[in-house]
Amino acid sequence: MSTRPAARLDCALAAVHALPGKEIQNLHTTGLDLSRGTLEVRRGLLRHALCLEELTHQLAADWTSYRHHRWPASSNPHLLVSQKTAVDPDHPAVSIGITEQTAMRYVTAAHPERTSKLPR
């Protein structure tokens, strides 16, 4: 696993919570509630609250601390930002280079008991 905080959180969201790259890319900082251990995922007009288990919760806390330390004046509302997007006045989302197939491989590795009956 990567040592970069954003990549570690990205990987956990894909592997543990089976979020596709597009949903991870569109997460907002306002959707993360570390005190409750939840993360809001926007799905069109719907909102889904993920309950963060210990690993993802810690990775999210590490990332937000790193993000605030690295870019304290960033006004980008997206949870995951890069050096470029953190300071971009247009507030773009960071590019997430993970396909649905890759996300499924992460899920299978993390939860083989849940995916053993899925068609290949």
PDB file of N, CA and C in Angstrom:
ATOM      1  N   MET A   1       0.849  -1.174   0.000  1.00  0.00           N
ATOM      2  CA  MET A   1       0.000   0.000   0.000  1.00  0.00           C
ATOM      3  C   MET A   1       0.894   1.236   0.000  1.00  0.00           C
ATOM      4  N   SER A   2       0.434   2.257  -0.601  1.00  0.00           N
ATOM      5  CA  SER A   2       1.179   3.515  -0.713  1.00  0.00           C
ATOM      6  C   SER A   2       1.399   4.143   0.661  1.00  0.00           C
ATOM      7  N   THR A   3       2.395   4.999   0.749  1.00  0.00           N
ATOM      8  CA  THR A   3       2.641   5.740   1.982  1.00  0.00           C
ATOM      9  C   THR A   3       2.003   7.118   1.947  1.00  0.00           C
ATOM     10  N   ARG A   4       1.480   7.531   0.779  1.00  0.00           N
ATOM     11  CA  ARG A   4       0.830   8.839   0.674  1.00  0.00           C
ATOM     12  C   ARG A   4      -0.565   8.765   1.296  1.00  0.00           C
ATOM     13  N   PRO A   5      -0.900   9.715   2.170  1.00  0.00           N
ATOM     14  CA  PRO A   5      -2.191   9.668   2.866  1.00  0.00           C
ATOM     15  C   PRO A   5      -3.405   9.616   1.938  1.00  0.00           C
ATOM     16  N   ALA A   6      -3.399  10.379   0.854  1.00  0.00           N
ATOM     17  CA  ALA A   6      -4.550  10.381  -0.054  1.00  0.00           C
ATOM     18  C   ALA A   6      -4.693   9.029  -0.746  1.00  0.00           C
ATOM     19  N   ALA A   7      -3.588   8.449  -1.174  1.00  0.00           N
ATOM     20  CA  ALA A   7      -3.634   7.162  -1.856  1.00  0.00           C
ATOM     21  C   ALA A   7      -4.096   6.057  -0.909  1.00  0.00           C
ATOM     22  N   ARG A   8      -3.671   6.128   0.331  1.00  0.00           N
ATOM     23  CA  ARG A   8      -4.090   5.119   1.314  1.00  0.00           C
ATOM     24  C   ARG A   8      -5.599   5.201   1.563  1.00  0.00           C
ATOM     25  N   LEU A   9      -6.115   6.415   1.702  1.00  0.00           N
ATOM     26  CA  LEU A   9      -7.556   6.590   1.901  1.00  0.00           C
ATOM     27  C   LEU A   9      -8.312   6.144   0.658  1.00  0.00           C
ATOM     28  N   ASP A  10      -7.834   6.519  -0.500  1.00  0.00           N
ATOM     29  CA  ASP A  10      -8.445   6.120  -1.768  1.00  0.00           C
ATOM     30  C   ASP A  10      -8.545   4.600  -1.858  1.00  0.00           C
ATOM     31  N   CYS A  11      -7.466   3.924  -1.546  1.00  0.00           N
ATOM     32  CA  CYS A  11      -7.427   2.466  -1.613  1.00  0.00           C
ATOM     33  C   CYS A  11      -8.422   1.839  -0.629  1.00  0.00           C
ATOM     34  N   ALA A  12      -8.482   2.356   0.583  1.00  0.00           N
ATOM     35  CA  ALA A  12      -9.417   1.822   1.578  1.00  0.00           C
ATOM     36  C   ALA A  12     -10.870   2.036   1.161  1.00  0.00           C
ATOM     37  N   LEU A  13     -11.162   3.195   0.607  1.00  0.00           N
ATOM     38  CA  LEU A  13     -12.539   3.455   0.172  1.00  0.00           C
ATOM     39  C   LEU A  13     -12.942   2.512  -0.959  1.00  0.00           C
ATOM     40  N   ALA A  14     -11.993   2.191  -1.832  1.00  0.00           N
ATOM     41  CA  ALA A  14     -12.281   1.264  -2.929  1.00  0.00           C
ATOM     42  C   ALA A  14     -12.341  -0.172  -2.426  1.00  0.00           C
ATOM     43  N   ALA A  15     -11.359  -0.585  -1.628  1.00  0.00           N
ATOM     44  CA  ALA A  15     -11.258  -1.988  -1.218  1.00  0.00           C
ATOM     45  C   ALA A  15     -12.244  -2.362  -0.119  1.00  0.00           C
ATOM     46  N   VAL A  16     -12.372  -1.533   0.875  1.00  0.00           N
ATOM     47  CA  VAL A  16     -13.213  -1.873   2.024  1.00  0.00           C
ATOM     48  C   VAL A  16     -14.672  -1.509   1.783  1.00  0.00           C
ATOM     49  N   HIS A  17     -14.892  -0.349   1.159  1.00  0.00           N
ATOM     50  CA  HIS A  17     -16.265   0.140   0.990  1.00  0.00           C
ATOM     51  C   HIS A  17     -16.788   0.002  -0.432  1.00  0.00           C
ATOM     52  N   ALA A  18     -15.955  -0.516  -1.333  1.00  0.00           N
ATOM     53  CA  ALA A  18     -16.339  -0.781  -2.725  1.00  0.00           C
ATOM     54  C   ALA A  18     -16.864   0.460  -3.446  1.00  0.00           C
ATOM     55  N   LEU A  19     -16.284   1.601  -3.148  1.00  0.00           N
ATOM     56  CA  LEU A  19     -16.681   2.824  -3.846  1.00  0.00           C
ATOM     57  C   LEU A  19     -15.944   2.897  -5.179  1.00  0.00           C
ATOM     58  N   PRO A  20     -16.658   3.147  -6.264  1.00  0.00           N
ATOM     59  CA  PRO A  20     -15.971   3.334  -7.548  1.00  0.00           C
ATOM     60  C   PRO A  20     -15.235   4.669  -7.572  1.00  0.00           C
ATOM     61  N   GLY A  21     -14.277   4.772  -8.463  1.00  0.00           N
ATOM     62  CA  GLY A  21     -13.434   5.955  -8.558  1.00  0.00           C
ATOM     63  C   GLY A  21     -14.206   7.250  -8.683  1.00  0.00           C
ATOM     64  N   LYS A  22     -15.284   7.245  -9.464  1.00  0.00           N
ATOM     65  CA  LYS A  22     -16.066   8.474  -9.667  1.00  0.00           C
ATOM     66  C   LYS A  22     -16.694   8.957  -8.356  1.00  0.00           C
ATOM     67  N   GLU A  23     -17.172   8.023  -7.531  1.00  0.00           N
ATOM     68  CA  GLU A  23     -17.759   8.423  -6.246  1.00  0.00           C
ATOM     69  C   GLU A  23     -16.683   8.938  -5.298  1.00  0.00           C
ATOM     70  N   ILE A  24     -15.512   8.299  -5.297  1.00  0.00           N
ATOM     71  CA  ILE A  24     -14.409   8.756  -4.454  1.00  0.00           C
ATOM     72  C   ILE A  24     -13.989  10.155  -4.883  1.00  0.00           C
ATOM     73  N   GLN A  25     -13.907  10.348  -6.173  1.00  0.00           N
ATOM     74  CA  GLN A  25     -13.502  11.642  -6.738  1.00  0.00           C
ATOM     75  C   GLN A  25     -14.448  12.762  -6.316  1.00  0.00           C
ATOM     76  N   ASN A  26     -15.718  12.465  -6.151  1.00  0.00           N
ATOM     77  CA  ASN A  26     -16.718  13.489  -5.853  1.00  0.00           C
ATOM     78  C   ASN A  26     -17.044  13.644  -4.367  1.00  0.00           C
ATOM     79  N   LEU A  27     -16.301  12.986  -3.486  1.00  0.00           N
ATOM     80  CA  LEU A  27     -16.532  13.156  -2.054  1.00  0.00           C
ATOM     81  C   LEU A  27     -16.169  14.580  -1.640  1.00  0.00           C
ATOM     82  N   HIS A  28     -16.925  15.126  -0.695  1.00  0.00           N
ATOM     83  CA  HIS A  28     -16.673  16.485  -0.217  1.00  0.00           C
ATOM     84  C   HIS A  28     -16.222  16.465   1.242  1.00  0.00           C
ATOM     85  N   THR A  29     -15.463  17.480   1.601  1.00  0.00           N
ATOM     86  CA  THR A  29     -14.979  17.569   2.978  1.00  0.00           C
ATOM     87  C   THR A  29     -16.144  17.682   3.963  1.00  0.00           C
ATOM     88  N   THR A  30     -17.221  18.330   3.551  1.00  0.00           N
ATOM     89  CA  THR A  30     -18.374  18.483   4.446  1.00  0.00           C
ATOM     90  C   THR A  30     -19.087  17.164   4.700  1.00  0.00           C
ATOM     91  N   GLY A  31     -18.825  16.167   3.865  1.00  0.00           N
ATOM     92  CA  GLY A  31     -19.460  14.859   4.043  1.00  0.00           C
ATOM     93  C   GLY A  31     -18.744  13.967   5.042  1.00  0.00           C
ATOM     94  N   LEU A  32     -17.548  14.351   5.456  1.00  0.00           N
ATOM     95  CA  LEU A  32     -16.783  13.554   6.416  1.00  0.00           C
ATOM     96  C   LEU A  32     -17.058  14.041   7.827  1.00  0.00           C
ATOM     97  N   ASP A  33     -17.540  13.151   8.668  1.00  0.00           N
ATOM     98  CA  ASP A  33     -17.799  13.473  10.073  1.00  0.00           C
ATOM     99  C   ASP A  33     -17.009  12.473  10.917  1.00  0.00           C
ATOM    100  N   LEU A  34     -15.805  12.864  11.299  1.00  0.00           N
ATOM    101  CA  LEU A  34     -14.941  11.957  12.054  1.00  0.00           C
ATOM    102  C   LEU A  34     -15.489  11.676  13.447  1.00  0.00           C
ATOM    103  N   SER A  35     -16.191  12.635  14.041  1.00  0.00           N
ATOM    104  CA  SER A  35     -16.730  12.413  15.387  1.00  0.00           C
ATOM    105  C   SER A  35     -17.804  11.324  15.385  1.00  0.00           C
ATOM    106  N   ARG A  36     -18.521  11.205  14.294  1.00  0.00           N
ATOM    107  CA  ARG A  36     -19.543  10.153  14.169  1.00  0.00           C
ATOM    108  C   ARG A  36     -19.033   8.929  13.421  1.00  0.00           C
ATOM    109  N   GLY A  37     -17.896   9.081  12.763  1.00  0.00           N
ATOM    110  CA  GLY A  37     -17.334   7.978  11.999  1.00  0.00           C
ATOM    111  C   GLY A  37     -18.111   7.696  10.730  1.00  0.00           C
ATOM    112  N   THR A  38     -18.575   8.762  10.063  1.00  0.00           N
ATOM    113  CA  THR A  38     -19.362   8.580   8.846  1.00  0.00           C
ATOM    114  C   THR A  38     -18.798   9.417   7.702  1.00  0.00           C
ATOM    115  N   LEU A  39     -19.120   8.987   6.520  1.00  0.00           N
ATOM    116  CA  LEU A  39     -18.748   9.702   5.307  1.00  0.00           C
ATOM    117  C   LEU A  39     -19.937   9.666   4.363  1.00  0.00           C
ATOM    118  N   GLU A  40     -20.375  10.846   3.939  1.00  0.00           N
ATOM    119  CA  GLU A  40     -21.520  10.938   3.030  1.00  0.00           C
ATOM    120  C   GLU A  40     -21.058  10.785   1.587  1.00  0.00           C
ATOM    121  N   VAL A  41     -21.725   9.876   0.884  1.00  0.00           N
ATOM    122  CA  VAL A  41     -21.446   9.653  -0.532  1.00  0.00           C
ATOM    123  C   VAL A  41     -22.651  10.166  -1.309  1.00  0.00           C
ATOM    124  N   ARG A  42     -22.390  11.021  -2.276  1.00  0.00           N
ATOM    125  CA  ARG A  42     -23.461  11.574  -3.101  1.00  0.00           C
ATOM    126  C   ARG A  42     -23.678  10.676  -4.308  1.00  0.00           C
ATOM    127  N   ARG A  43     -24.911  10.254  -4.483  1.00  0.00           N
ATOM    128  CA  ARG A  43     -25.284   9.421  -5.619  1.00  0.00           C
ATOM    129  C   ARG A  43     -26.465  10.082  -6.313  1.00  0.00           C
ATOM    130  N   GLY A  44     -26.134  10.999  -7.228  1.00  0.00           N
ATOM    131  CA  GLY A  44     -27.173  11.791  -7.867  1.00  0.00           C
ATOM    132  C   GLY A  44     -27.790  12.704  -6.831  1.00  0.00           C
ATOM    133  N   LEU A  45     -29.100  12.640  -6.690  1.00  0.00           N
ATOM    134  CA  LEU A  45     -29.791  13.446  -5.680  1.00  0.00           C
ATOM    135  C   LEU A  45     -29.818  12.765  -4.320  1.00  0.00           C
ATOM    136  N   LEU A  46     -29.404  11.515  -4.279  1.00  0.00           N
ATOM    137  CA  LEU A  46     -29.421  10.754  -3.036  1.00  0.00           C
ATOM    138  C   LEU A  46     -28.117  10.918  -2.267  1.00  0.00           C
ATOM    139  N   ARG A  47     -28.206  10.705  -0.969  1.00  0.00           N
ATOM    140  CA  ARG A  47     -27.039  10.734  -0.104  1.00  0.00           C
ATOM    141  C   ARG A  47     -26.987   9.405   0.641  1.00  0.00           C
ATOM    142  N   HIS A  48     -25.807   8.823   0.710  1.00  0.00           N
ATOM    143  CA  HIS A  48     -25.611   7.554   1.404  1.00  0.00           C
ATOM    144  C   HIS A  48     -24.538   7.768   2.464  1.00  0.00           C
ATOM    145  N   ALA A  49     -24.808   7.382   3.691  1.00  0.00           N
ATOM    146  CA  ALA A  49     -23.832   7.546   4.769  1.00  0.00           C
ATOM    147  C   ALA A  49     -23.082   6.241   4.981  1.00  0.00           C
ATOM    148  N   LEU A  50     -21.765   6.281   4.778  1.00  0.00           N
ATOM    149  CA  LEU A  50     -20.910   5.128   5.064  1.00  0.00           C
ATOM    150  C   LEU A  50     -20.511   5.179   6.526  1.00  0.00           C
ATOM    151  N   CYS A  51     -20.589   4.055   7.188  1.00  0.00           N
ATOM    152  CA  CYS A  51     -20.052   3.947   8.543  1.00  0.00           C
ATOM    153  C   CYS A  51     -18.611   3.491   8.403  1.00  0.00           C
ATOM    154  N   LEU A  52     -17.697   4.312   8.845  1.00  0.00           N
ATOM    155  CA  LEU A  52     -16.274   4.024   8.679  1.00  0.00           C
ATOM    156  C   LEU A  52     -15.789   3.089   9.777  1.00  0.00           C
ATOM    157  N   GLU A  53     -15.184   1.989   9.361  1.00  0.00           N
ATOM    158  CA  GLU A  53     -14.572   1.086  10.335  1.00  0.00           C
ATOM    159  C   GLU A  53     -13.239   1.704  10.762  1.00  0.00           C
ATOM    160  N   GLU A  54     -12.567   1.090  11.693  1.00  0.00           N
ATOM    161  CA  GLU A  54     -11.383   1.678  12.327  1.00  0.00           C
ATOM    162  C   GLU A  54     -10.287   2.076  11.339  1.00  0.00           C
ATOM    163  N   LEU A  55      -9.963   1.221  10.379  1.00  0.00           N
ATOM    164  CA  LEU A  55      -8.884   1.518   9.439  1.00  0.00           C
ATOM    165  C   LEU A  55      -9.205   2.739   8.584  1.00  0.00           C
ATOM    166  N   THR A  56     -10.375   2.735   7.941  1.00  0.00           N
ATOM    167  CA  THR A  56     -10.730   3.849   7.070  1.00  0.00           C
ATOM    168  C   THR A  56     -10.890   5.140   7.868  1.00  0.00           C
ATOM    169  N   HIS A  57     -11.424   5.030   9.076  1.00  0.00           N
ATOM    170  CA  HIS A  57     -11.560   6.204   9.942  1.00  0.00           C
ATOM    171  C   HIS A  57     -10.189   6.808  10.222  1.00  0.00           C
ATOM    172  N   GLN A  58      -9.219   5.974  10.557  1.00  0.00           N
ATOM    173  CA  GLN A  58      -7.871   6.481  10.850  1.00  0.00           C
ATOM    174  C   GLN A  58      -7.229   7.077   9.601  1.00  0.00           C
ATOM    175  N   LEU A  59      -7.414   6.436   8.452  1.00  0.00           N
ATOM    176  CA  LEU A  59      -6.852   6.958   7.209  1.00  0.00           C
ATOM    177  C   LEU A  59      -7.486   8.301   6.836  1.00  0.00           C
ATOM    178  N   ALA A  60      -8.789   8.430   7.075  1.00  0.00           N
ATOM    179  CA  ALA A  60      -9.471   9.701   6.803  1.00  0.00           C
ATOM    180  C   ALA A  60      -8.954  10.796   7.739  1.00  0.00           C
ATOM    181  N   ALA A  61      -8.735  10.445   9.000  1.00  0.00           N
ATOM    182  CA  ALA A  61      -8.202  11.417   9.955  1.00  0.00           C
ATOM    183  C   ALA A  61      -6.780  11.826   9.560  1.00  0.00           C
ATOM    184  N   ASP A  62      -5.979  10.851   9.164  1.00  0.00           N
ATOM    185  CA  ASP A  62      -4.610  11.151   8.724  1.00  0.00           C
ATOM    186  C   ASP A  62      -4.620  12.071   7.509  1.00  0.00           C
ATOM    187  N   TRP A  63      -5.503  11.769   6.546  1.00  0.00           N
ATOM    188  CA  TRP A  63      -5.563  12.575   5.332  1.00  0.00           C
ATOM    189  C   TRP A  63      -6.002  14.008   5.631  1.00  0.00           C
ATOM    190  N   THR A  64      -7.047  14.168   6.435  1.00  0.00           N
ATOM    191  CA  THR A  64      -7.531  15.532   6.700  1.00  0.00           C
ATOM    192  C   THR A  64      -6.481  16.345   7.455  1.00  0.00           C
ATOM    193  N   SER A  65      -5.762  15.700   8.343  1.00  0.00           N
ATOM    194  CA  SER A  65      -4.685  16.392   9.051  1.00  0.00           C
ATOM    195  C   SER A  65      -3.578  16.798   8.075  1.00  0.00           C
ATOM    196  N   TYR A  66      -3.182  15.890   7.210  1.00  0.00           N
ATOM    197  CA  TYR A  66      -2.155  16.169   6.211  1.00  0.00           C
ATOM    198  C   TYR A  66      -2.611  17.284   5.275  1.00  0.00           C
ATOM    199  N   ARG A  67      -3.854  17.168   4.802  1.00  0.00           N
ATOM    200  CA  ARG A  67      -4.390  18.164   3.872  1.00  0.00           C
ATOM    201  C   ARG A  67      -4.385  19.555   4.500  1.00  0.00           C
ATOM    202  N   HIS A  68      -4.842  19.645   5.737  1.00  0.00           N
ATOM    203  CA  HIS A  68      -4.887  20.945   6.410  1.00  0.00           C
ATOM    204  C   HIS A  68      -3.482  21.508   6.627  1.00  0.00           C
ATOM    205  N   HIS A  69      -2.545  20.638   6.988  1.00  0.00           N
ATOM    206  CA  HIS A  69      -1.164  21.080   7.199  1.00  0.00           C
ATOM    207  C   HIS A  69      -0.520  21.528   5.887  1.00  0.00           C
ATOM    208  N   ARG A  70      -0.781  20.770   4.812  1.00  0.00           N
ATOM    209  CA  ARG A  70      -0.150  21.051   3.511  1.00  0.00           C
ATOM    210  C   ARG A  70      -0.773  22.251   2.805  1.00  0.00           C
ATOM    211  N   TRP A  71      -2.111  22.350   2.833  1.00  0.00           N
ATOM    212  CA  TRP A  71      -2.822  23.426   2.136  1.00  0.00           C
ATOM    213  C   TRP A  71      -3.844  24.070   3.078  1.00  0.00           C
ATOM    214  N   PRO A  72      -3.406  24.813   4.073  1.00  0.00           N
ATOM    215  CA  PRO A  72      -4.344  25.363   5.060  1.00  0.00           C
ATOM    216  C   PRO A  72      -5.348  26.343   4.475  1.00  0.00           C
ATOM    217  N   ALA A  73      -5.030  26.975   3.371  1.00  0.00           N
ATOM    218  CA  ALA A  73      -5.941  27.964   2.792  1.00  0.00           C
ATOM    219  C   ALA A  73      -6.764  27.407   1.633  1.00  0.00           C
ATOM    220  N   SER A  74      -6.696  26.099   1.403  1.00  0.00           N
ATOM    221  CA  SER A  74      -7.440  25.513   0.291  1.00  0.00           C
ATOM    222  C   SER A  74      -8.941  25.652   0.518  1.00  0.00           C
ATOM    223  N   SER A  75      -9.614  26.129  -0.515  1.00  0.00           N
ATOM    224  CA  SER A  75     -11.076  26.244  -0.424  1.00  0.00           C
ATOM    225  C   SER A  75     -11.759  25.206  -1.316  1.00  0.00           C
ATOM    226  N   ASN A  76     -10.983  24.262  -1.855  1.00  0.00           N
ATOM    227  CA  ASN A  76     -11.556  23.211  -2.694  1.00  0.00           C
ATOM    228  C   ASN A  76     -12.438  22.326  -1.811  1.00  0.00           C
ATOM    229  N   PRO A  77     -13.722  22.169  -2.150  1.00  0.00           N
ATOM    230  CA  PRO A  77     -14.635  21.407  -1.301  1.00  0.00           C
ATOM    231  C   PRO A  77     -14.462  19.892  -1.395  1.00  0.00           C
ATOM    232  N   HIS A  78     -13.712  19.413  -2.377  1.00  0.00           N
ATOM    233  CA  HIS A  78     -13.533  17.970  -2.536  1.00  0.00           C
ATOM    234  C   HIS A  78     -12.622  17.420  -1.440  1.00  0.00           C
ATOM    235  N   LEU A  79     -12.969  16.236  -0.964  1.00  0.00           N
ATOM    236  CA  LEU A  79     -12.191  15.629   0.113  1.00  0.00           C
ATOM    237  C   LEU A  79     -10.766  15.330  -0.344  1.00  0.00           C
ATOM    238  N   LEU A  80     -10.624  14.714  -1.492  1.00  0.00           N
ATOM    239  CA  LEU A  80      -9.308  14.377  -2.003  1.00  0.00           C
ATOM    240  C   LEU A  80      -8.867  15.425  -3.010  1.00  0.00           C
ATOM    241  N   VAL A  81      -7.731  16.017  -2.736  1.00  0.00           N
ATOM    242  CA  VAL A  81      -7.168  17.024  -3.622  1.00  0.00           C
ATOM    243  C   VAL A  81      -5.700  16.689  -3.862  1.00  0.00           C
ATOM    244  N   SER A  82      -5.158  17.288  -4.886  1.00  0.00           N
ATOM    245  CA  SER A  82      -3.740  17.140  -5.196  1.00  0.00           C
ATOM    246  C   SER A  82      -3.078  18.506  -5.037  1.00  0.00           C
ATOM    247  N   GLN A  83      -1.793  18.551  -5.267  1.00  0.00           N
ATOM    248  CA  GLN A  83      -1.075  19.828  -5.191  1.00  0.00           C
ATOM    249  C   GLN A  83      -1.680  20.833  -6.154  1.00  0.00           C
ATOM    250  N   LYS A  84      -2.095  20.364  -7.314  1.00  0.00           N
ATOM    251  CA  LYS A  84      -2.676  21.254  -8.324  1.00  0.00           C
ATOM    252  C   LYS A  84      -4.113  21.653  -7.981  1.00  0.00           C
ATOM    253  N   THR A  85      -4.954  20.691  -7.621  1.00  0.00           N
ATOM    254  CA  THR A  85      -6.374  20.999  -7.399  1.00  0.00           C
ATOM    255  C   THR A  85      -6.628  21.706  -6.079  1.00  0.00           C
ATOM    256  N   ALA A  86      -5.737  21.551  -5.108  1.00  0.00           N
ATOM    257  CA  ALA A  86      -5.945  22.195  -3.803  1.00  0.00           C
ATOM    258  C   ALA A  86      -5.942  23.714  -3.910  1.00  0.00           C
ATOM    259  N   VAL A  87      -5.191  24.237  -4.867  1.00  0.00           N
ATOM    260  CA  VAL A  87      -5.062  25.694  -4.990  1.00  0.00           C
ATOM    261  C   VAL A  87      -5.710  26.249  -6.254  1.00  0.00           C
ATOM    262  N   ASP A  88      -6.422  25.417  -6.995  1.00  0.00           N
ATOM    263  CA  ASP A  88      -7.072  25.855  -8.226  1.00  0.00           C
ATOM    264  C   ASP A  88      -8.354  26.609  -7.887  1.00  0.00           C
ATOM    265  N   PRO A  89      -8.507  27.845  -8.362  1.00  0.00           N
ATOM    266  CA  PRO A  89      -9.699  28.640  -8.033  1.00  0.00           C
ATOM    267  C   PRO A  89     -10.992  28.067  -8.607  1.00  0.00           C
ATOM    268  N   ASP A  90     -10.893  27.170  -9.592  1.00  0.00           N
ATOM    269  CA  ASP A  90     -12.105  26.554 -10.152  1.00  0.00           C
ATOM    270  C   ASP A  90     -12.572  25.346  -9.346  1.00  0.00           C
ATOM    271  N   HIS A  91     -11.803  24.933  -8.358  1.00  0.00           N
ATOM    272  CA  HIS A  91     -12.139  23.840  -7.450  1.00  0.00           C
ATOM    273  C   HIS A  91     -12.457  22.520  -8.153  1.00  0.00           C
ATOM    274  N   PRO A  92     -11.576  22.058  -9.039  1.00  0.00           N
ATOM    275  CA  PRO A  92     -11.861  20.777  -9.688  1.00  0.00           C
ATOM    276  C   PRO A  92     -11.636  19.618  -8.715  1.00  0.00           C
ATOM    277  N   ALA A  93     -12.229  18.499  -9.047  1.00  0.00           N
ATOM    278  CA  ALA A  93     -11.976  17.281  -8.281  1.00  0.00           C
ATOM    279  C   ALA A  93     -10.641  16.709  -8.723  1.00  0.00           C
ATOM    280  N   VAL A  94      -9.999  15.978  -7.830  1.00  0.00           N
ATOM    281  CA  VAL A  94      -8.749  15.312  -8.189  1.00  0.00           C
ATOM    282  C   VAL A  94      -9.091  14.151  -9.121  1.00  0.00           C
ATOM    283  N   SER A  95      -8.205  13.850 -10.029  1.00  0.00           N
ATOM    284  CA  SER A  95      -8.417  12.737 -10.943  1.00  0.00           C
ATOM    285  C   SER A  95      -8.112  11.441 -10.216  1.00  0.00           C
ATOM    286  N   ILE A  96      -9.051  10.529 -10.218  1.00  0.00           N
ATOM    287  CA  ILE A  96      -8.860   9.211  -9.570  1.00  0.00           C
ATOM    288  C   ILE A  96      -8.698   8.176 -10.666  1.00  0.00           C
ATOM    289  N   GLY A  97      -7.547   7.607 -10.761  1.00  0.00           N
ATOM    290  CA  GLY A  97      -7.254   6.650 -11.832  1.00  0.00           C
ATOM    291  C   GLY A  97      -7.552   5.220 -11.460  1.00  0.00           C
ATOM    292  N   ILE A  98      -8.741   4.937 -10.969  1.00  0.00           N
ATOM    293  CA  ILE A  98      -9.097   3.569 -10.617  1.00  0.00           C
ATOM    294  C   ILE A  98     -10.353   3.182 -11.380  1.00  0.00           C
ATOM    295  N   THR A  99     -10.294   2.047 -12.053  1.00  0.00           N
ATOM    296  CA  THR A  99     -11.449   1.575 -12.807  1.00  0.00           C
ATOM    297  C   THR A  99     -12.327   0.711 -11.910  1.00  0.00           C
ATOM    298  N   GLU A 100     -13.526   0.413 -12.386  1.00  0.00           N
ATOM    299  CA  GLU A 100     -14.412  -0.460 -11.619  1.00  0.00           C
ATOM    300  C   GLU A 100     -13.802  -1.851 -11.464  1.00  0.00           C
ATOM    301  N   GLN A 101     -13.090  -2.318 -12.489  1.00  0.00           N
ATOM    302  CA  GLN A 101     -12.443  -3.630 -12.410  1.00  0.00           C
ATOM    303  C   GLN A 101     -11.377  -3.644 -11.312  1.00  0.00           C
ATOM    304  N   THR A 102     -10.600  -2.577 -11.239  1.00  0.00           N
ATOM    305  CA  THR A 102      -9.573  -2.485 -10.198  1.00  0.00           C
ATOM    306  C   THR A 102     -10.225  -2.424  -8.825  1.00  0.00           C
ATOM    307  N   ALA A 103     -11.280  -1.651  -8.702  1.00  0.00           N
ATOM    308  CA  ALA A 103     -11.997  -1.568  -7.425  1.00  0.00           C
ATOM    309  C   ALA A 103     -12.514  -2.936  -7.010  1.00  0.00           C
ATOM    310  N   MET A 104     -13.033  -3.696  -7.973  1.00  0.00           N
ATOM    311  CA  MET A 104     -13.528  -5.039  -7.654  1.00  0.00           C
ATOM    312  C   MET A 104     -12.387  -5.964  -7.214  1.00  0.00           C
ATOM    313  N   ARG A 105     -11.212  -5.813  -7.801  1.00  0.00           N
ATOM    314  CA  ARG A 105     -10.067  -6.615  -7.351  1.00  0.00           C
ATOM    315  C   ARG A 105      -9.717  -6.263  -5.911  1.00  0.00           C
ATOM    316  N   TYR A 106      -9.782  -4.985  -5.564  1.00  0.00           N
ATOM    317  CA  TYR A 106      -9.525  -4.572  -4.181  1.00  0.00           C
ATOM    318  C   TYR A 106     -10.560  -5.171  -3.235  1.00  0.00           C
ATOM    319  N   VAL A 107     -11.819  -5.116  -3.643  1.00  0.00           N
ATOM    320  CA  VAL A 107     -12.890  -5.666  -2.812  1.00  0.00           C
ATOM    321  C   VAL A 107     -12.699  -7.162  -2.633  1.00  0.00           C
ATOM    322  N   THR A 108     -12.369  -7.857  -3.713  1.00  0.00           N
ATOM    323  CA  THR A 108     -12.156  -9.303  -3.642  1.00  0.00           C
ATOM    324  C   THR A 108     -10.994  -9.631  -2.710  1.00  0.00           C
ATOM    325  N   ALA A 109      -9.930  -8.850  -2.780  1.00  0.00           N
ATOM    326  CA  ALA A 109      -8.782  -9.081  -1.898  1.00  0.00           C
ATOM    327  C   ALA A 109      -9.135  -8.812  -0.436  1.00  0.00           C
ATOM    328  N   ALA A 110      -9.928  -7.793  -0.190  1.00  0.00           N
ATOM    329  CA  ALA A 110     -10.287  -7.428   1.178  1.00  0.00           C
ATOM    330  C   ALA A 110     -11.389  -8.305   1.756  1.00  0.00           C
ATOM    331  N   HIS A 111     -12.318  -8.748   0.914  1.00  0.00           N
ATOM    332  CA  HIS A 111     -13.478  -9.520   1.365  1.00  0.00           C
ATOM    333  C   HIS A 111     -13.744 -10.702   0.442  1.00  0.00           C
ATOM    334  N   PRO A 112     -12.867 -11.698   0.408  1.00  0.00           N
ATOM    335  CA  PRO A 112     -13.075 -12.817  -0.513  1.00  0.00           C
ATOM    336  C   PRO A 112     -14.362 -13.592  -0.234  1.00  0.00           C
ATOM    337  N   GLU A 113     -14.791 -13.621   1.026  1.00  0.00           N
ATOM    338  CA  GLU A 113     -16.016 -14.341   1.371  1.00  0.00           C
ATOM    339  C   GLU A 113     -17.263 -13.692   0.771  1.00  0.00           C
ATOM    340  N   ARG A 114     -17.205 -12.425   0.481  1.00  0.00           N
ATOM    341  CA  ARG A 114     -18.359 -11.707  -0.074  1.00  0.00           C
ATOM    342  C   ARG A 114     -18.401 -11.749  -1.598  1.00  0.00           C
ATOM    343  N   THR A 115     -17.300 -12.054  -2.217  1.00  0.00           N
ATOM    344  CA  THR A 115     -17.246 -11.992  -3.674  1.00  0.00           C
ATOM    345  C   THR A 115     -17.024 -13.333  -4.333  1.00  0.00           C
ATOM    346  N   SER A 116     -16.925 -14.408  -3.575  1.00  0.00           N
ATOM    347  CA  SER A 116     -16.617 -15.714  -4.156  1.00  0.00           C
ATOM    348  C   SER A 116     -17.713 -16.215  -5.085  1.00  0.00           C
ATOM    349  N   LYS A 117     -18.946 -15.753  -4.913  1.00  0.00           N
ATOM    350  CA  LYS A 117     -20.056 -16.215  -5.736  1.00  0.00           C
ATOM    351  C   LYS A 117     -20.397 -15.269  -6.872  1.00  0.00           C
ATOM    352  N   LEU A 118     -19.646 -14.184  -7.026  1.00  0.00           N
ATOM    353  CA  LEU A 118     -19.905 -13.254  -8.106  1.00  0.00           C
ATOM    354  C   LEU A 118     -19.396 -13.823  -9.422  1.00  0.00           C
ATOM    355  N   PRO A 119     -20.106 -13.551 -10.544  1.00  0.00           N
ATOM    356  CA  PRO A 119     -19.609 -14.032 -11.843  1.00  0.00           C
ATOM    357  C   PRO A 119     -18.314 -13.338 -12.207  1.00  0.00           C
ATOM    358  N   ARG A 120     -17.457 -14.053 -12.852  1.00  0.00           N
ATOM    359  CA  ARG A 120     -16.148 -13.498 -13.237  1.00  0.00           C
ATOM    360  C   ARG A 120     -16.179 -13.017 -14.655  1.00  0.00           C
TER     361      ARG A 120
END
